[in-house]
Amino acid sequence: MKERGKRDRARMLFGFMVGALSALISIWAMSAMVGVLYQSGWSVGELARQYLQATGISGSPHTLVEYYAHIKGIEYLICVVFFIAFPTFHAYVNREAGERETGAAGRR
């Protein structure tokens, strides 16, 4: 019995520590975001422009290799969206008959 109580206390302490760490990281991230917004004049668009310039996304490619790498990155993002959307759509289309009748198209 005592060992179970110790485990429960250890779990509670671990949960509290994880929660406290998460709260500290959240506070740090929010204060960093507020600071950056203050520096950019509270303009989210200006902040996005500065970020895109700093990472090199908004600049034009100077070589064919840079252009190809950019296009390849966009293709990978399109593939990720497809790999998420297609199984979801497939599951939606191939529902059981009982589930189809409860939808708006099943009402007559």
Protein backbone atom coordinates (compact mmCIF):
# COMPACT_ATOMS: atom_id res chain seq x y z
CA MET A 1 0.00 0.00 0.00
CA LYS A 2 2.77 2.44 0.90
CA GLU A 3 4.55 1.74 -2.36
CA ARG A 4 1.41 2.58 -4.33
CA GLY A 5 1.07 5.84 -2.42
CA LYS A 6 4.68 6.71 -3.23
CA ARG A 7 4.07 5.99 -6.91
CA ASP A 8 0.96 8.18 -6.90
CA ARG A 9 2.87 11.03 -5.26
CA ALA A 10 5.73 10.62 -7.73
CA ARG A 11 3.28 10.75 -10.63
CA MET A 12 1.62 13.84 -9.20
CA LEU A 13 4.99 15.51 -8.68
CA PHE A 14 6.07 14.62 -12.23
CA GLY A 15 2.79 15.96 -13.62
CA PHE A 16 3.23 19.17 -11.64
CA MET A 17 6.81 19.58 -12.88
CA VAL A 18 5.79 19.02 -16.50
CA GLY A 19 2.91 21.46 -16.10
CA ALA A 20 5.16 24.09 -14.51
CA LEU A 21 7.76 23.68 -17.25
CA SER A 22 5.05 23.98 -19.91
CA ALA A 23 3.74 27.14 -18.25
CA LEU A 24 7.22 28.68 -18.13
CA ILE A 25 7.86 27.89 -21.80
CA SER A 26 4.46 29.33 -22.73
CA ILE A 27 5.14 32.53 -20.80
CA TRP A 28 8.57 32.84 -22.46
CA ALA A 29 7.11 32.29 -25.94
CA MET A 30 4.32 34.82 -25.40
CA SER A 31 6.71 37.44 -24.04
CA ALA A 32 9.02 36.89 -27.03
CA MET A 33 6.08 37.29 -29.42
CA VAL A 34 4.89 40.46 -27.69
CA GLY A 35 8.44 41.86 -27.77
CA VAL A 36 8.83 41.16 -31.47
CA LEU A 37 5.42 42.67 -32.24
CA TYR A 38 6.40 45.77 -30.26
CA GLN A 39 9.61 46.12 -32.29
CA SER A 40 7.69 45.81 -35.56
CA GLY A 41 5.18 48.49 -34.55
CA TRP A 42 2.42 46.00 -33.64
CA SER A 43 2.06 45.04 -37.30
CA VAL A 44 1.65 41.32 -37.89
CA GLY A 45 2.18 41.83 -41.63
CA GLU A 46 5.51 43.58 -41.04
CA LEU A 47 6.53 40.79 -38.67
CA ALA A 48 5.69 38.18 -41.31
CA ARG A 49 7.62 40.15 -43.96
CA GLN A 50 10.68 40.36 -41.72
CA TYR A 51 10.49 36.63 -41.00
CA LEU A 52 10.17 35.74 -44.68
CA GLN A 53 13.11 37.96 -45.57
CA ALA A 54 15.27 36.60 -42.75
CA THR A 55 14.65 32.99 -43.78
CA GLY A 56 15.14 33.71 -47.47
CA ILE A 57 11.67 32.63 -48.52
CA SER A 58 10.59 35.94 -50.05
CA GLY A 59 13.80 36.51 -52.03
CA SER A 60 14.07 35.47 -55.64
CA PRO A 61 16.27 32.45 -56.36
CA HIS A 62 19.59 33.29 -57.99
CA THR A 63 20.45 29.85 -59.31
CA LEU A 64 18.61 26.92 -60.79
CA VAL A 65 19.50 24.82 -57.75
CA GLU A 66 17.84 27.33 -55.39
CA TYR A 67 14.75 27.41 -57.58
CA TYR A 68 14.56 23.62 -57.75
CA ALA A 69 14.99 23.31 -53.97
CA HIS A 70 12.16 25.80 -53.43
CA ILE A 71 9.82 23.96 -55.81
CA LYS A 72 10.73 20.64 -54.21
CA GLY A 73 9.82 21.99 -50.77
CA ILE A 74 6.45 23.14 -52.07
CA GLU A 75 5.86 19.72 -53.63
CA TYR A 76 6.60 18.04 -50.30
CA LEU A 77 4.05 20.28 -48.57
CA ILE A 78 1.45 19.42 -51.21
CA CYS A 79 2.18 15.70 -50.66
CA VAL A 80 1.70 16.04 -46.90
CA VAL A 81 -1.66 17.74 -47.44
CA PHE A 82 -2.70 15.02 -49.88
CA PHE A 83 -1.64 12.20 -47.54
CA ILE A 84 -3.84 13.71 -44.83
CA ALA A 85 -6.80 14.72 -47.01
CA PHE A 86 -7.18 11.58 -49.13
CA PRO A 87 -7.62 9.04 -46.29
CA THR A 88 -10.04 11.43 -44.59
CA PHE A 89 -12.05 11.81 -47.80
CA HIS A 90 -11.93 8.05 -48.43
CA ALA A 91 -13.27 7.33 -44.96
CA TYR A 92 -16.01 9.93 -45.48
CA VAL A 93 -17.11 8.46 -48.82
CA ASN A 94 -17.02 4.83 -47.66
CA ARG A 95 -19.10 5.15 -44.52
CA GLU A 96 -21.54 2.46 -43.45
CA ALA A 97 -25.14 2.67 -44.68
CA GLY A 98 -26.46 3.63 -41.24
CA GLU A 99 -24.05 6.52 -40.99
CA ARG A 100 -24.94 7.76 -44.48
CA GLU A 101 -28.66 7.98 -43.67
CA THR A 102 -28.06 10.35 -40.77
CA GLY A 103 -26.43 12.94 -43.03
CA ALA A 104 -28.26 15.76 -44.80
CA ALA A 105 -28.21 13.87 -48.13
CA GLY A 106 -29.92 10.88 -46.51
CA ARG A 107 -33.02 12.89 -45.45
CA ARG A 108 -36.01 12.71 -47.78
